[in-house]
Amino acid sequence: MSKSSPTESQPSYTKLAMRNMVQKGSVSLKHFALSTLGVLAVLVGLAYLTR
């Protein structure tokens, strides 16, 4: 496990996630889009079933 310099704190999970998204590029965007569509489909389905 590599240690960072004492003046530099551990990167936050948000920063690590953003760095990972930038490195992975289109795969991350595709997964994000699929997740968004999935959540919207669930919400629309629940709204339809509970009307």
PDB file of N, CA and C in Angstrom:
ATOM      1  N   MET A   1       0.852  -1.180   0.000  1.00  0.00           N
ATOM      2  CA  MET A   1       0.000   0.000   0.000  1.00  0.00           C
ATOM      3  C   MET A   1       0.890   1.233   0.000  1.00  0.00           C
ATOM      4  N   SER A   2       0.696   2.143  -0.908  1.00  0.00           N
ATOM      5  CA  SER A   2       1.530   3.329  -0.979  1.00  0.00           C
ATOM      6  C   SER A   2       0.981   4.401  -0.046  1.00  0.00           C
ATOM      7  N   LYS A   3       1.903   5.123   0.562  1.00  0.00           N
ATOM      8  CA  LYS A   3       1.501   6.206   1.464  1.00  0.00           C
ATOM      9  C   LYS A   3       1.739   7.526   0.760  1.00  0.00           C
ATOM     10  N   SER A   4       0.833   8.472   0.988  1.00  0.00           N
ATOM     11  CA  SER A   4       0.996   9.782   0.387  1.00  0.00           C
ATOM     12  C   SER A   4       1.860  10.640   1.314  1.00  0.00           C
ATOM     13  N   SER A   5       2.311  11.756   0.815  1.00  0.00           N
ATOM     14  CA  SER A   5       3.144  12.632   1.628  1.00  0.00           C
ATOM     15  C   SER A   5       2.346  13.169   2.811  1.00  0.00           C
ATOM     16  N   PRO A   6       3.022  13.526   3.911  1.00  0.00           N
ATOM     17  CA  PRO A   6       2.307  13.959   5.117  1.00  0.00           C
ATOM     18  C   PRO A   6       1.448  15.202   4.911  1.00  0.00           C
ATOM     19  N   THR A   7       1.848  16.077   3.984  1.00  0.00           N
ATOM     20  CA  THR A   7       1.072  17.305   3.772  1.00  0.00           C
ATOM     21  C   THR A   7      -0.174  17.053   2.937  1.00  0.00           C
ATOM     22  N   GLU A   8      -0.199  15.946   2.215  1.00  0.00           N
ATOM     23  CA  GLU A   8      -1.350  15.642   1.351  1.00  0.00           C
ATOM     24  C   GLU A   8      -2.267  14.647   2.062  1.00  0.00           C
ATOM     25  N   SER A   9      -3.531  15.035   2.231  1.00  0.00           N
ATOM     26  CA  SER A   9      -4.468  14.142   2.917  1.00  0.00           C
ATOM     27  C   SER A   9      -4.976  13.071   1.953  1.00  0.00           C
ATOM     28  N   GLN A  10      -5.626  12.045   2.519  1.00  0.00           N
ATOM     29  CA  GLN A  10      -6.198  10.986   1.694  1.00  0.00           C
ATOM     30  C   GLN A  10      -7.269  11.579   0.782  1.00  0.00           C
ATOM     31  N   PRO A  11      -7.282  11.223  -0.504  1.00  0.00           N
ATOM     32  CA  PRO A  11      -8.342  11.745  -1.387  1.00  0.00           C
ATOM     33  C   PRO A  11      -9.703  11.208  -0.967  1.00  0.00           C
ATOM     34  N   SER A  12     -10.715  12.039  -1.101  1.00  0.00           N
ATOM     35  CA  SER A  12     -12.059  11.633  -0.700  1.00  0.00           C
ATOM     36  C   SER A  12     -12.621  10.628  -1.703  1.00  0.00           C
ATOM     37  N   TYR A  13     -13.655   9.929  -1.281  1.00  0.00           N
ATOM     38  CA  TYR A  13     -14.294   8.962  -2.182  1.00  0.00           C
ATOM     39  C   TYR A  13     -14.823   9.660  -3.425  1.00  0.00           C
ATOM     40  N   THR A  14     -15.307  10.892  -3.262  1.00  0.00           N
ATOM     41  CA  THR A  14     -15.819  11.633  -4.417  1.00  0.00           C
ATOM     42  C   THR A  14     -14.702  11.892  -5.422  1.00  0.00           C
ATOM     43  N   LYS A  15     -13.541  12.332  -4.906  1.00  0.00           N
ATOM     44  CA  LYS A  15     -12.422  12.599  -5.816  1.00  0.00           C
ATOM     45  C   LYS A  15     -11.973  11.319  -6.519  1.00  0.00           C
ATOM     46  N   LEU A  16     -11.930  10.215  -5.770  1.00  0.00           N
ATOM     47  CA  LEU A  16     -11.527   8.949  -6.386  1.00  0.00           C
ATOM     48  C   LEU A  16     -12.527   8.517  -7.449  1.00  0.00           C
ATOM     49  N   ALA A  17     -13.818   8.696  -7.174  1.00  0.00           N
ATOM     50  CA  ALA A  17     -14.851   8.327  -8.145  1.00  0.00           C
ATOM     51  C   ALA A  17     -14.753   9.194  -9.398  1.00  0.00           C
ATOM     52  N   MET A  18     -14.521  10.490  -9.205  1.00  0.00           N
ATOM     53  CA  MET A  18     -14.404  11.389 -10.357  1.00  0.00           C
ATOM     54  C   MET A  18     -13.170  11.018 -11.199  1.00  0.00           C
ATOM     55  N   ARG A  19     -12.047  10.724 -10.525  1.00  0.00           N
ATOM     56  CA  ARG A  19     -10.831  10.338 -11.242  1.00  0.00           C
ATOM     57  C   ARG A  19     -11.065   9.046 -12.021  1.00  0.00           C
ATOM     58  N   ASN A  20     -11.770   8.107 -11.391  1.00  0.00           N
ATOM     59  CA  ASN A  20     -12.066   6.832 -12.047  1.00  0.00           C
ATOM     60  C   ASN A  20     -12.951   7.062 -13.266  1.00  0.00           C
ATOM     61  N   MET A  21     -13.953   7.947 -13.137  1.00  0.00           N
ATOM     62  CA  MET A  21     -14.842   8.237 -14.274  1.00  0.00           C
ATOM     63  C   MET A  21     -14.064   8.832 -15.440  1.00  0.00           C
ATOM     64  N   VAL A  22     -13.134   9.754 -15.123  1.00  0.00           N
ATOM     65  CA  VAL A  22     -12.350  10.385 -16.185  1.00  0.00           C
ATOM     66  C   VAL A  22     -11.469   9.349 -16.873  1.00  0.00           C
ATOM     67  N   GLN A  23     -10.869   8.452 -16.103  1.00  0.00           N
ATOM     68  CA  GLN A  23      -9.994   7.440 -16.698  1.00  0.00           C
ATOM     69  C   GLN A  23     -10.773   6.440 -17.538  1.00  0.00           C
ATOM     70  N   LYS A  24     -11.958   6.042 -17.097  1.00  0.00           N
ATOM     71  CA  LYS A  24     -12.728   5.018 -17.813  1.00  0.00           C
ATOM     72  C   LYS A  24     -13.494   5.598 -19.001  1.00  0.00           C
ATOM     73  N   GLY A  25     -13.812   6.884 -18.949  1.00  0.00           N
ATOM     74  CA  GLY A  25     -14.420   7.560 -20.081  1.00  0.00           C
ATOM     75  C   GLY A  25     -15.806   7.067 -20.439  1.00  0.00           C
ATOM     76  N   SER A  26     -15.978   6.589 -21.660  1.00  0.00           N
ATOM     77  CA  SER A  26     -17.303   6.272 -22.195  1.00  0.00           C
ATOM     78  C   SER A  26     -17.990   5.137 -21.447  1.00  0.00           C
ATOM     79  N   VAL A  27     -17.223   4.203 -20.878  1.00  0.00           N
ATOM     80  CA  VAL A  27     -17.830   3.093 -20.129  1.00  0.00           C
ATOM     81  C   VAL A  27     -18.571   3.643 -18.913  1.00  0.00           C
ATOM     82  N   SER A  28     -17.942   4.592 -18.215  1.00  0.00           N
ATOM     83  CA  SER A  28     -18.584   5.204 -17.059  1.00  0.00           C
ATOM     84  C   SER A  28     -19.848   5.958 -17.473  1.00  0.00           C
ATOM     85  N   LEU A  29     -19.761   6.680 -18.555  1.00  0.00           N
ATOM     86  CA  LEU A  29     -20.930   7.442 -19.013  1.00  0.00           C
ATOM     87  C   LEU A  29     -22.069   6.508 -19.395  1.00  0.00           C
ATOM     88  N   LYS A  30     -21.734   5.387 -20.027  1.00  0.00           N
ATOM     89  CA  LYS A  30     -22.769   4.421 -20.405  1.00  0.00           C
ATOM     90  C   LYS A  30     -23.424   3.837 -19.159  1.00  0.00           C
ATOM     91  N   HIS A  31     -22.619   3.472 -18.170  1.00  0.00           N
ATOM     92  CA  HIS A  31     -23.173   2.921 -16.929  1.00  0.00           C
ATOM     93  C   HIS A  31     -24.013   3.959 -16.185  1.00  0.00           C
ATOM     94  N   PHE A  32     -23.551   5.221 -16.190  1.00  0.00           N
ATOM     95  CA  PHE A  32     -24.311   6.288 -15.541  1.00  0.00           C
ATOM     96  C   PHE A  32     -25.658   6.471 -16.233  1.00  0.00           C
ATOM     97  N   ALA A  33     -25.662   6.457 -17.558  1.00  0.00           N
ATOM     98  CA  ALA A  33     -26.906   6.614 -18.315  1.00  0.00           C
ATOM     99  C   ALA A  33     -27.856   5.441 -18.052  1.00  0.00           C
ATOM    100  N   LEU A  34     -27.326   4.227 -18.032  1.00  0.00           N
ATOM    101  CA  LEU A  34     -28.166   3.060 -17.758  1.00  0.00           C
ATOM    102  C   LEU A  34     -28.751   3.119 -16.343  1.00  0.00           C
ATOM    103  N   SER A  35     -27.949   3.547 -15.387  1.00  0.00           N
ATOM    104  CA  SER A  35     -28.432   3.676 -14.011  1.00  0.00           C
ATOM    105  C   SER A  35     -29.539   4.716 -13.921  1.00  0.00           C
ATOM    106  N   THR A  36     -29.331   5.848 -14.600  1.00  0.00           N
ATOM    107  CA  THR A  36     -30.339   6.911 -14.588  1.00  0.00           C
ATOM    108  C   THR A  36     -31.638   6.420 -15.216  1.00  0.00           C
ATOM    109  N   LEU A  37     -31.537   5.735 -16.349  1.00  0.00           N
ATOM    110  CA  LEU A  37     -32.737   5.204 -16.999  1.00  0.00           C
ATOM    111  C   LEU A  37     -33.431   4.171 -16.114  1.00  0.00           C
ATOM    112  N   GLY A  38     -32.658   3.347 -15.429  1.00  0.00           N
ATOM    113  CA  GLY A  38     -33.229   2.349 -14.533  1.00  0.00           C
ATOM    114  C   GLY A  38     -33.998   2.980 -13.389  1.00  0.00           C
ATOM    115  N   VAL A  39     -33.418   4.005 -12.773  1.00  0.00           N
ATOM    116  CA  VAL A  39     -34.096   4.693 -11.669  1.00  0.00           C
ATOM    117  C   VAL A  39     -35.365   5.370 -12.176  1.00  0.00           C
ATOM    118  N   LEU A  40     -35.284   6.019 -13.328  1.00  0.00           N
ATOM    119  CA  LEU A  40     -36.478   6.669 -13.891  1.00  0.00           C
ATOM    120  C   LEU A  40     -37.555   5.636 -14.210  1.00  0.00           C
ATOM    121  N   ALA A  41     -37.164   4.483 -14.745  1.00  0.00           N
ATOM    122  CA  ALA A  41     -38.141   3.433 -15.063  1.00  0.00           C
ATOM    123  C   ALA A  41     -38.823   2.935 -13.788  1.00  0.00           C
ATOM    124  N   VAL A  42     -38.053   2.764 -12.721  1.00  0.00           N
ATOM    125  CA  VAL A  42     -38.646   2.327 -11.449  1.00  0.00           C
ATOM    126  C   VAL A  42     -39.622   3.375 -10.936  1.00  0.00           C
ATOM    127  N   LEU A  43     -39.245   4.632 -10.980  1.00  0.00           N
ATOM    128  CA  LEU A  43     -40.128   5.698 -10.491  1.00  0.00           C
ATOM    129  C   LEU A  43     -41.405   5.797 -11.319  1.00  0.00           C
ATOM    130  N   VAL A  44     -41.274   5.713 -12.635  1.00  0.00           N
ATOM    131  CA  VAL A  44     -42.457   5.762 -13.504  1.00  0.00           C
ATOM    132  C   VAL A  44     -43.323   4.542 -13.265  1.00  0.00           C
ATOM    133  N   GLY A  45     -42.713   3.387 -13.108  1.00  0.00           N
ATOM    134  CA  GLY A  45     -43.478   2.170 -12.821  1.00  0.00           C
ATOM    135  C   GLY A  45     -44.223   2.265 -11.505  1.00  0.00           C
ATOM    136  N   LEU A  46     -43.572   2.746 -10.472  1.00  0.00           N
ATOM    137  CA  LEU A  46     -44.258   2.921  -9.189  1.00  0.00           C
ATOM    138  C   LEU A  46     -45.381   3.947  -9.275  1.00  0.00           C
ATOM    139  N   ALA A  47     -45.147   5.026 -10.000  1.00  0.00           N
ATOM    140  CA  ALA A  47     -46.187   6.043 -10.155  1.00  0.00           C
ATOM    141  C   ALA A  47     -47.392   5.445 -10.889  1.00  0.00           C
ATOM    142  N   TYR A  48     -47.131   4.611 -11.881  1.00  0.00           N
ATOM    143  CA  TYR A  48     -48.219   3.977 -12.632  1.00  0.00           C
ATOM    144  C   TYR A  48     -48.992   2.979 -11.763  1.00  0.00           C
ATOM    145  N   LEU A  49     -48.265   2.202 -10.976  1.00  0.00           N
ATOM    146  CA  LEU A  49     -48.921   1.184 -10.150  1.00  0.00           C
ATOM    147  C   LEU A  49     -49.693   1.770  -8.975  1.00  0.00           C
ATOM    148  N   THR A  50     -49.277   2.933  -8.500  1.00  0.00           N
ATOM    149  CA  THR A  50     -49.914   3.511  -7.316  1.00  0.00           C
ATOM    150  C   THR A  50     -50.855   4.649  -7.632  1.00  0.00           C
ATOM    151  N   ARG A  51     -51.203   4.833  -8.899  1.00  0.00           N
ATOM    152  CA  ARG A  51     -52.107   5.949  -9.239  1.00  0.00           C
ATOM    153  C   ARG A  51     -53.540   5.633  -8.853  1.00  0.00           C
TER     154      ARG A  51
END
